[in-house]
Amino acid sequence: MKRKKKHEEHVDESWLIPYADILTLLLALFIVLFAASEVNSQKFQEISESFNKELQGGTGILEYQAPAETPDSTSKLADLGENGDGEAPKTDEEIALEQDFKELGEVREKIEAYIEAQGLSPRLQTELSAKGLLLTIKEGVLYPSGSADITPEAEKMAAEIANLLVTDLPRNIYIEGHTDNVPVQTKEYPSNWELSSERAINFMKILLENNELDPRKFSATGYGEFQPVTSNDTPEGRAENRRVEVLISPFEKEN
């Protein structure tokens, strides 16, 4: 008898169709996700709707829908800002800083009122910045030319300024002396370093005659001609650079 040839078993390949579909869907999903990372939310909305329509004929997992607004979510959004505009609530430090600069603004108003009453503008000027309140005293108000001795009239003015520097919060106060670039070569002041430093120290001493001010919060520095506010090429520029500055810093908590 002839042997019958064994029929080879037929491999079932029906699983390839759904497998290929899954791979196609995954590839399309990654393409959409990649495209969505490069476009705005509106384009992502359009792409996802088109993708679902073509592949599924209806709503799918890629279709973007905004969550329904609930009373709880509305109240939480309102908590982020007074008008619910998404601004985070202010911290205690931010509130304290605002109050601190409000007080510095009040000190500035008092100094400005004194300057106007005494007719000292523009020889005395104020500026409020992130560094604090800066009072600039121009040349000729405190000292004679080439000297660090405060005049009697300037001593009265310094005493008035000292009263205005008394604040509820203790602040660091920095006195800075500045000169122009014209060399000073005298026995008393060998250079502009000595002149600017002594001017700052002498003015600080007058301020500290007010017992309500804490000497531990004060410091005096002489910068000579090395921090000009304008060019020294003209007489007017050199006059601007000859000055004493009083910086009243924002309040700093002691550790």
C-alpha atoms as a PDB file:
ATOM      1  CA  MET A   1       0.000   0.000   0.000  1.00  0.00           C
ATOM      2  CA  LYS A   2       1.158   3.477  -0.812  1.00  0.00           C
ATOM      3  CA  ARG A   3       1.819   5.544   2.159  1.00  0.00           C
ATOM      4  CA  LYS A   4      -0.372   8.593   2.359  1.00  0.00           C
ATOM      5  CA  LYS A   5       1.514  11.864   2.656  1.00  0.00           C
ATOM      6  CA  LYS A   6       0.828  13.601   5.880  1.00  0.00           C
ATOM      7  CA  HIS A   7      -0.816  16.966   5.366  1.00  0.00           C
ATOM      8  CA  GLU A   8       1.159  19.757   7.027  1.00  0.00           C
ATOM      9  CA  GLU A   9      -0.785  21.498   9.685  1.00  0.00           C
ATOM     10  CA  HIS A  10      -2.097  24.862   8.548  1.00  0.00           C
ATOM     11  CA  VAL A  11      -0.918  27.707  10.838  1.00  0.00           C
ATOM     12  CA  ASP A  12      -3.750  29.951  11.972  1.00  0.00           C
ATOM     13  CA  GLU A  13      -2.718  33.530  11.062  1.00  0.00           C
ATOM     14  CA  SER A  14      -5.994  35.239  11.866  1.00  0.00           C
ATOM     15  CA  TRP A  15      -4.360  36.922  14.892  1.00  0.00           C
ATOM     16  CA  LEU A  16      -2.200  39.041  12.587  1.00  0.00           C
ATOM     17  CA  ILE A  17      -5.115  41.244  11.570  1.00  0.00           C
ATOM     18  CA  PRO A  18      -6.034  42.594  15.039  1.00  0.00           C
ATOM     19  CA  TYR A  19      -2.324  42.746  15.910  1.00  0.00           C
ATOM     20  CA  ALA A  20      -1.639  44.920  12.878  1.00  0.00           C
ATOM     21  CA  ASP A  21      -4.640  47.092  13.777  1.00  0.00           C
ATOM     22  CA  ILE A  22      -3.325  47.555  17.298  1.00  0.00           C
ATOM     23  CA  LEU A  23       0.104  48.526  16.017  1.00  0.00           C
ATOM     24  CA  THR A  24      -1.484  50.994  13.608  1.00  0.00           C
ATOM     25  CA  LEU A  25      -3.553  52.540  16.400  1.00  0.00           C
ATOM     26  CA  LEU A  26      -0.541  52.773  18.690  1.00  0.00           C
ATOM     27  CA  LEU A  27       1.516  54.408  15.978  1.00  0.00           C
ATOM     28  CA  ALA A  28      -1.260  56.882  15.293  1.00  0.00           C
ATOM     29  CA  LEU A  29      -1.581  57.559  19.038  1.00  0.00           C
ATOM     30  CA  PHE A  30       2.133  58.330  19.403  1.00  0.00           C
ATOM     31  CA  ILE A  31       2.032  60.583  16.353  1.00  0.00           C
ATOM     32  CA  VAL A  32      -0.905  62.497  17.816  1.00  0.00           C
ATOM     33  CA  LEU A  33       0.755  62.801  21.226  1.00  0.00           C
ATOM     34  CA  PHE A  34       3.959  64.028  19.637  1.00  0.00           C
ATOM     35  CA  ALA A  35       2.100  66.556  17.524  1.00  0.00           C
ATOM     36  CA  ALA A  36       0.096  67.686  20.547  1.00  0.00           C
ATOM     37  CA  SER A  37       3.299  68.470  22.430  1.00  0.00           C
ATOM     38  CA  GLU A  38       4.282  70.902  19.677  1.00  0.00           C
ATOM     39  CA  VAL A  39       0.958  72.702  19.192  1.00  0.00           C
ATOM     40  CA  ASN A  40      -1.445  74.590  21.336  1.00  0.00           C
ATOM     41  CA  SER A  41      -4.492  73.151  23.033  1.00  0.00           C
ATOM     42  CA  GLN A  42      -6.849  74.285  20.277  1.00  0.00           C
ATOM     43  CA  LYS A  43      -4.939  72.334  17.621  1.00  0.00           C
ATOM     44  CA  PHE A  44      -4.789  69.321  19.919  1.00  0.00           C
ATOM     45  CA  GLN A  45      -8.575  69.487  20.194  1.00  0.00           C
ATOM     46  CA  GLU A  46      -8.940  69.515  16.409  1.00  0.00           C
ATOM     47  CA  ILE A  47      -6.461  66.679  15.871  1.00  0.00           C
ATOM     48  CA  SER A  48      -8.015  64.442  18.507  1.00  0.00           C
ATOM     49  CA  GLU A  49     -11.544  64.964  17.154  1.00  0.00           C
ATOM     50  CA  SER A  50     -10.415  64.221  13.617  1.00  0.00           C
ATOM     51  CA  PHE A  51      -8.497  61.136  14.750  1.00  0.00           C
ATOM     52  CA  ASN A  52     -11.468  59.720  16.652  1.00  0.00           C
ATOM     53  CA  LYS A  53     -13.836  60.447  13.816  1.00  0.00           C
ATOM     54  CA  GLU A  54     -11.709  58.657  11.249  1.00  0.00           C
ATOM     55  CA  LEU A  55     -10.702  55.626  13.305  1.00  0.00           C
ATOM     56  CA  GLN A  56     -13.685  55.107  15.556  1.00  0.00           C
ATOM     57  CA  GLY A  57     -16.522  57.020  14.020  1.00  0.00           C
ATOM     58  CA  GLY A  58     -17.419  58.683  17.312  1.00  0.00           C
ATOM     59  CA  THR A  59     -16.252  59.820  20.666  1.00  0.00           C
ATOM     60  CA  GLY A  60     -13.049  58.250  21.956  1.00  0.00           C
ATOM     61  CA  ILE A  61     -10.504  58.494  24.655  1.00  0.00           C
ATOM     62  CA  LEU A  62      -8.523  61.170  22.807  1.00  0.00           C
ATOM     63  CA  GLU A  63     -11.414  63.600  22.635  1.00  0.00           C
ATOM     64  CA  TYR A  64     -10.704  66.487  24.966  1.00  0.00           C
ATOM     65  CA  GLN A  65     -13.434  67.694  27.244  1.00  0.00           C
ATOM     66  CA  ALA A  66     -13.127  70.346  29.909  1.00  0.00           C
ATOM     67  CA  PRO A  67     -14.175  69.154  33.351  1.00  0.00           C
ATOM     68  CA  ALA A  68     -17.510  70.385  34.541  1.00  0.00           C
ATOM     69  CA  GLU A  69     -17.274  73.332  36.900  1.00  0.00           C
ATOM     70  CA  THR A  70     -18.552  72.513  40.339  1.00  0.00           C
ATOM     71  CA  PRO A  71     -19.234  74.780  43.299  1.00  0.00           C
ATOM     72  CA  ASP A  72     -16.132  73.377  45.023  1.00  0.00           C
ATOM     73  CA  SER A  73     -13.883  74.090  42.053  1.00  0.00           C
ATOM     74  CA  THR A  74     -15.349  77.577  41.708  1.00  0.00           C
ATOM     75  CA  SER A  75     -14.637  78.360  45.340  1.00  0.00           C
ATOM     76  CA  LYS A  76     -11.082  77.028  45.038  1.00  0.00           C
ATOM     77  CA  LEU A  77     -10.449  79.198  42.006  1.00  0.00           C
ATOM     78  CA  ALA A  78     -11.816  82.181  43.874  1.00  0.00           C
ATOM     79  CA  ASP A  79      -9.405  81.451  46.708  1.00  0.00           C
ATOM     80  CA  LEU A  80      -6.481  81.915  44.320  1.00  0.00           C
ATOM     81  CA  GLY A  81      -7.180  85.614  44.011  1.00  0.00           C
ATOM     82  CA  GLU A  82      -9.672  88.264  44.952  1.00  0.00           C
ATOM     83  CA  ASN A  83     -11.263  88.143  41.492  1.00  0.00           C
ATOM     84  CA  GLY A  84     -10.585  84.477  40.758  1.00  0.00           C
ATOM     85  CA  ASP A  85      -7.986  85.520  38.195  1.00  0.00           C
ATOM     86  CA  GLY A  86      -5.539  82.744  39.048  1.00  0.00           C
ATOM     87  CA  GLU A  87      -3.205  84.828  41.202  1.00  0.00           C
ATOM     88  CA  ALA A  88      -1.857  82.972  44.191  1.00  0.00           C
ATOM     89  CA  PRO A  89      -2.789  84.354  47.612  1.00  0.00           C
ATOM     90  CA  LYS A  90      -0.146  86.556  49.173  1.00  0.00           C
ATOM     91  CA  THR A  91       2.103  85.025  51.780  1.00  0.00           C
ATOM     92  CA  ASP A  92       2.677  86.545  55.198  1.00  0.00           C
ATOM     93  CA  GLU A  93       6.144  87.658  54.067  1.00  0.00           C
ATOM     94  CA  GLU A  94       4.742  89.418  51.000  1.00  0.00           C
ATOM     95  CA  ILE A  95       2.117  91.185  53.085  1.00  0.00           C
ATOM     96  CA  ALA A  96       4.764  92.246  55.623  1.00  0.00           C
ATOM     97  CA  LEU A  97       6.998  93.527  52.803  1.00  0.00           C
ATOM     98  CA  GLU A  98       4.145  95.599  51.366  1.00  0.00           C
ATOM     99  CA  GLN A  99       3.449  97.125  54.762  1.00  0.00           C
ATOM    100  CA  ASP A 100       7.164  97.792  55.216  1.00  0.00           C
ATOM    101  CA  PHE A 101       7.454  99.670  51.929  1.00  0.00           C
ATOM    102  CA  LYS A 102       4.275 101.539  52.777  1.00  0.00           C
ATOM    103  CA  GLU A 103       6.018 102.830  55.910  1.00  0.00           C
ATOM    104  CA  LEU A 104       9.114 103.717  53.854  1.00  0.00           C
ATOM    105  CA  GLY A 105       6.811 105.668  51.547  1.00  0.00           C
ATOM    106  CA  GLU A 106       5.442 107.573  54.525  1.00  0.00           C
ATOM    107  CA  VAL A 107       8.996 108.380  55.672  1.00  0.00           C
ATOM    108  CA  ARG A 108       9.745 109.648  52.173  1.00  0.00           C
ATOM    109  CA  GLU A 109       6.675 111.897  52.239  1.00  0.00           C
ATOM    110  CA  LYS A 110       7.823 113.428  55.542  1.00  0.00           C
ATOM    111  CA  ILE A 111      11.332 114.026  54.198  1.00  0.00           C
ATOM    112  CA  GLU A 112       9.936 115.520  50.988  1.00  0.00           C
ATOM    113  CA  ALA A 113       7.699 117.841  53.021  1.00  0.00           C
ATOM    114  CA  TYR A 114      10.720 118.958  55.053  1.00  0.00           C
ATOM    115  CA  ILE A 115      12.786 119.533  51.894  1.00  0.00           C
ATOM    116  CA  GLU A 116      10.032 121.649  50.388  1.00  0.00           C
ATOM    117  CA  ALA A 117       9.453 123.627  53.581  1.00  0.00           C
ATOM    118  CA  GLN A 118      13.167 124.420  53.912  1.00  0.00           C
ATOM    119  CA  GLY A 119      13.625 125.177  50.222  1.00  0.00           C
ATOM    120  CA  LEU A 120      16.321 122.503  49.901  1.00  0.00           C
ATOM    121  CA  SER A 121      15.220 121.064  46.560  1.00  0.00           C
ATOM    122  CA  PRO A 122      17.045 119.997  44.382  1.00  0.00           C
ATOM    123  CA  ARG A 123      20.037 119.862  46.749  1.00  0.00           C
ATOM    124  CA  LEU A 124      18.261 117.103  48.698  1.00  0.00           C
ATOM    125  CA  GLN A 125      16.566 114.325  46.730  1.00  0.00           C
ATOM    126  CA  THR A 126      14.808 111.073  47.628  1.00  0.00           C
ATOM    127  CA  GLU A 127      14.319 107.834  45.697  1.00  0.00           C
ATOM    128  CA  LEU A 128      12.380 104.729  46.732  1.00  0.00           C
ATOM    129  CA  SER A 129      13.510 101.437  45.187  1.00  0.00           C
ATOM    130  CA  ALA A 130      13.822  97.754  46.044  1.00  0.00           C
ATOM    131  CA  LYS A 131      16.993  98.590  47.984  1.00  0.00           C
ATOM    132  CA  GLY A 132      15.081 100.966  50.241  1.00  0.00           C
ATOM    133  CA  LEU A 133      14.688 104.719  50.624  1.00  0.00           C
ATOM    134  CA  LEU A 134      17.685 106.705  49.380  1.00  0.00           C
ATOM    135  CA  LEU A 135      18.285 110.296  50.494  1.00  0.00           C
ATOM    136  CA  THR A 136      20.935 112.107  48.431  1.00  0.00           C
ATOM    137  CA  ILE A 137      22.517 115.269  49.866  1.00  0.00           C
ATOM    138  CA  LYS A 138      24.330 117.273  47.230  1.00  0.00           C
ATOM    139  CA  GLU A 139      27.582 119.206  47.512  1.00  0.00           C
ATOM    140  CA  GLY A 140      27.641 122.376  49.589  1.00  0.00           C
ATOM    141  CA  VAL A 141      24.757 121.420  51.883  1.00  0.00           C
ATOM    142  CA  LEU A 142      26.806 119.784  54.639  1.00  0.00           C
ATOM    143  CA  TYR A 143      30.458 120.716  54.179  1.00  0.00           C
ATOM    144  CA  PRO A 144      32.648 123.479  52.794  1.00  0.00           C
ATOM    145  CA  SER A 145      34.671 122.509  49.723  1.00  0.00           C
ATOM    146  CA  GLY A 146      37.553 120.173  50.534  1.00  0.00           C
ATOM    147  CA  SER A 147      36.455 119.749  54.165  1.00  0.00           C
ATOM    148  CA  ALA A 148      34.595 117.164  56.248  1.00  0.00           C
ATOM    149  CA  ASP A 149      33.534 119.605  58.983  1.00  0.00           C
ATOM    150  CA  ILE A 150      29.758 119.980  59.046  1.00  0.00           C
ATOM    151  CA  THR A 151      28.561 123.586  59.107  1.00  0.00           C
ATOM    152  CA  PRO A 152      26.309 124.785  61.989  1.00  0.00           C
ATOM    153  CA  GLU A 153      23.370 125.155  59.578  1.00  0.00           C
ATOM    154  CA  ALA A 154      23.928 121.603  58.339  1.00  0.00           C
ATOM    155  CA  GLU A 155      23.970 120.312  61.928  1.00  0.00           C
ATOM    156  CA  LYS A 156      20.434 121.651  62.444  1.00  0.00           C
ATOM    157  CA  MET A 157      19.326 120.012  59.208  1.00  0.00           C
ATOM    158  CA  ALA A 158      20.957 116.707  60.194  1.00  0.00           C
ATOM    159  CA  ALA A 159      19.090 116.788  63.525  1.00  0.00           C
ATOM    160  CA  GLU A 160      15.790 117.245  61.666  1.00  0.00           C
ATOM    161  CA  ILE A 161      16.626 114.373  59.324  1.00  0.00           C
ATOM    162  CA  ALA A 162      17.490 112.195  62.337  1.00  0.00           C
ATOM    163  CA  ASN A 163      13.977 112.744  63.709  1.00  0.00           C
ATOM    164  CA  LEU A 164      12.540 111.625  60.374  1.00  0.00           C
ATOM    165  CA  LEU A 165      14.629 108.446  60.425  1.00  0.00           C
ATOM    166  CA  VAL A 166      12.932 107.176  63.584  1.00  0.00           C
ATOM    167  CA  THR A 167      10.563 104.395  62.467  1.00  0.00           C
ATOM    168  CA  ASP A 168       8.438 101.766  64.191  1.00  0.00           C
ATOM    169  CA  LEU A 169      10.569  98.982  62.710  1.00  0.00           C
ATOM    170  CA  PRO A 170      14.319  99.180  63.320  1.00  0.00           C
ATOM    171  CA  ARG A 171      16.127  99.451  59.996  1.00  0.00           C
ATOM    172  CA  ASN A 172      19.710  99.326  58.852  1.00  0.00           C
ATOM    173  CA  ILE A 173      20.886 102.749  57.722  1.00  0.00           C
ATOM    174  CA  TYR A 174      23.957 103.170  55.537  1.00  0.00           C
ATOM    175  CA  ILE A 175      25.775 106.511  55.236  1.00  0.00           C
ATOM    176  CA  GLU A 176      27.942 106.778  52.100  1.00  0.00           C
ATOM    177  CA  GLY A 177      30.396 109.538  51.201  1.00  0.00           C
ATOM    178  CA  HIS A 178      31.338 110.252  47.560  1.00  0.00           C
ATOM    179  CA  THR A 179      33.699 112.701  45.837  1.00  0.00           C
ATOM    180  CA  ASP A 180      34.626 113.640  42.292  1.00  0.00           C
ATOM    181  CA  ASN A 181      37.879 112.515  40.662  1.00  0.00           C
ATOM    182  CA  VAL A 182      39.860 115.666  41.451  1.00  0.00           C
ATOM    183  CA  PRO A 183      42.775 114.552  43.676  1.00  0.00           C
ATOM    184  CA  VAL A 184      42.867 115.801  47.259  1.00  0.00           C
ATOM    185  CA  GLN A 185      46.372 115.979  48.694  1.00  0.00           C
ATOM    186  CA  THR A 186      46.390 117.647  52.054  1.00  0.00           C
ATOM    187  CA  LYS A 187      47.904 116.704  55.363  1.00  0.00           C
ATOM    188  CA  GLU A 188      44.456 115.982  56.783  1.00  0.00           C
ATOM    189  CA  TYR A 189      43.089 114.181  53.714  1.00  0.00           C
ATOM    190  CA  PRO A 190      45.830 112.453  51.696  1.00  0.00           C
ATOM    191  CA  SER A 191      43.247 111.176  49.184  1.00  0.00           C
ATOM    192  CA  ASN A 192      39.545 111.183  48.372  1.00  0.00           C
ATOM    193  CA  TRP A 193      39.193 107.962  50.386  1.00  0.00           C
ATOM    194  CA  GLU A 194      39.872 109.790  53.646  1.00  0.00           C
ATOM    195  CA  LEU A 195      37.744 112.789  52.697  1.00  0.00           C
ATOM    196  CA  SER A 196      34.683 110.762  51.678  1.00  0.00           C
ATOM    197  CA  SER A 197      34.971 108.436  54.685  1.00  0.00           C
ATOM    198  CA  GLU A 198      35.249 111.226  57.235  1.00  0.00           C
ATOM    199  CA  ARG A 199      32.324 113.085  55.696  1.00  0.00           C
ATOM    200  CA  ALA A 200      30.155 109.977  56.052  1.00  0.00           C
ATOM    201  CA  ILE A 201      31.306 109.361  59.628  1.00  0.00           C
ATOM    202  CA  ASN A 202      30.813 112.981  60.739  1.00  0.00           C
ATOM    203  CA  PHE A 203      27.290 113.066  59.328  1.00  0.00           C
ATOM    204  CA  MET A 204      26.472 109.745  60.992  1.00  0.00           C
ATOM    205  CA  LYS A 205      27.665 111.098  64.344  1.00  0.00           C
ATOM    206  CA  ILE A 206      25.254 114.023  64.096  1.00  0.00           C
ATOM    207  CA  LEU A 207      22.377 111.675  63.305  1.00  0.00           C
ATOM    208  CA  LEU A 208      23.196 109.430  66.256  1.00  0.00           C
ATOM    209  CA  GLU A 209      22.883 112.308  68.687  1.00  0.00           C
ATOM    210  CA  ASN A 210      19.212 111.365  68.490  1.00  0.00           C
ATOM    211  CA  ASN A 211      18.799 108.794  71.282  1.00  0.00           C
ATOM    212  CA  GLU A 212      15.851 107.145  69.517  1.00  0.00           C
ATOM    213  CA  LEU A 213      18.164 105.815  66.813  1.00  0.00           C
ATOM    214  CA  ASP A 214      20.060 102.567  67.393  1.00  0.00           C
ATOM    215  CA  PRO A 215      23.816 102.914  66.644  1.00  0.00           C
ATOM    216  CA  ARG A 216      23.970  99.160  65.947  1.00  0.00           C
ATOM    217  CA  LYS A 217      21.878  99.743  62.836  1.00  0.00           C
ATOM    218  CA  PHE A 218      24.220 102.366  61.359  1.00  0.00           C
ATOM    219  CA  SER A 219      27.341 102.112  59.227  1.00  0.00           C
ATOM    220  CA  ALA A 220      29.452 104.688  57.379  1.00  0.00           C
ATOM    221  CA  THR A 221      31.501 104.109  54.220  1.00  0.00           C
ATOM    222  CA  GLY A 222      33.667 106.285  52.011  1.00  0.00           C
ATOM    223  CA  TYR A 223      33.781 105.436  48.301  1.00  0.00           C
ATOM    224  CA  GLY A 224      35.992 108.270  47.142  1.00  0.00           C
ATOM    225  CA  GLU A 225      35.540 108.978  43.431  1.00  0.00           C
ATOM    226  CA  PHE A 226      34.880 105.362  42.471  1.00  0.00           C
ATOM    227  CA  GLN A 227      31.058 105.301  42.370  1.00  0.00           C
ATOM    228  CA  PRO A 228      30.118 108.366  40.297  1.00  0.00           C
ATOM    229  CA  VAL A 229      26.527 108.933  39.224  1.00  0.00           C
ATOM    230  CA  THR A 230      27.616 110.808  36.103  1.00  0.00           C
ATOM    231  CA  SER A 231      30.742 111.754  34.146  1.00  0.00           C
ATOM    232  CA  ASN A 232      33.478 113.796  35.819  1.00  0.00           C
ATOM    233  CA  ASP A 233      34.344 115.484  32.520  1.00  0.00           C
ATOM    234  CA  THR A 234      32.397 118.674  33.312  1.00  0.00           C
ATOM    235  CA  PRO A 235      32.111 120.931  36.382  1.00  0.00           C
ATOM    236  CA  GLU A 236      28.401 120.104  36.587  1.00  0.00           C
ATOM    237  CA  GLY A 237      29.118 116.378  36.529  1.00  0.00           C
ATOM    238  CA  ARG A 238      31.764 116.659  39.238  1.00  0.00           C
ATOM    239  CA  ALA A 239      29.319 118.617  41.398  1.00  0.00           C
ATOM    240  CA  GLU A 240      26.748 115.822  41.014  1.00  0.00           C
ATOM    241  CA  ASN A 241      29.289 113.225  42.104  1.00  0.00           C
ATOM    242  CA  ARG A 242      30.231 115.116  45.284  1.00  0.00           C
ATOM    243  CA  ARG A 243      27.487 113.897  47.579  1.00  0.00           C
ATOM    244  CA  VAL A 244      26.464 112.060  50.743  1.00  0.00           C
ATOM    245  CA  GLU A 245      23.848 109.319  50.506  1.00  0.00           C
ATOM    246  CA  VAL A 246      21.672 107.910  53.279  1.00  0.00           C
ATOM    247  CA  LEU A 247      20.133 104.527  52.469  1.00  0.00           C
ATOM    248  CA  ILE A 248      17.271 103.385  54.731  1.00  0.00           C
ATOM    249  CA  SER A 249      16.928  99.681  54.065  1.00  0.00           C
ATOM    250  CA  PRO A 250      13.759  97.567  54.250  1.00  0.00           C
ATOM    251  CA  PHE A 251      13.167  95.887  57.583  1.00  0.00           C
ATOM    252  CA  GLU A 252      15.128  92.669  58.100  1.00  0.00           C
ATOM    253  CA  LYS A 253      14.197  90.173  60.771  1.00  0.00           C
ATOM    254  CA  GLU A 254      16.982  89.201  63.115  1.00  0.00           C
ATOM    255  CA  ASN A 255      17.775  85.493  63.170  1.00  0.00           C
END
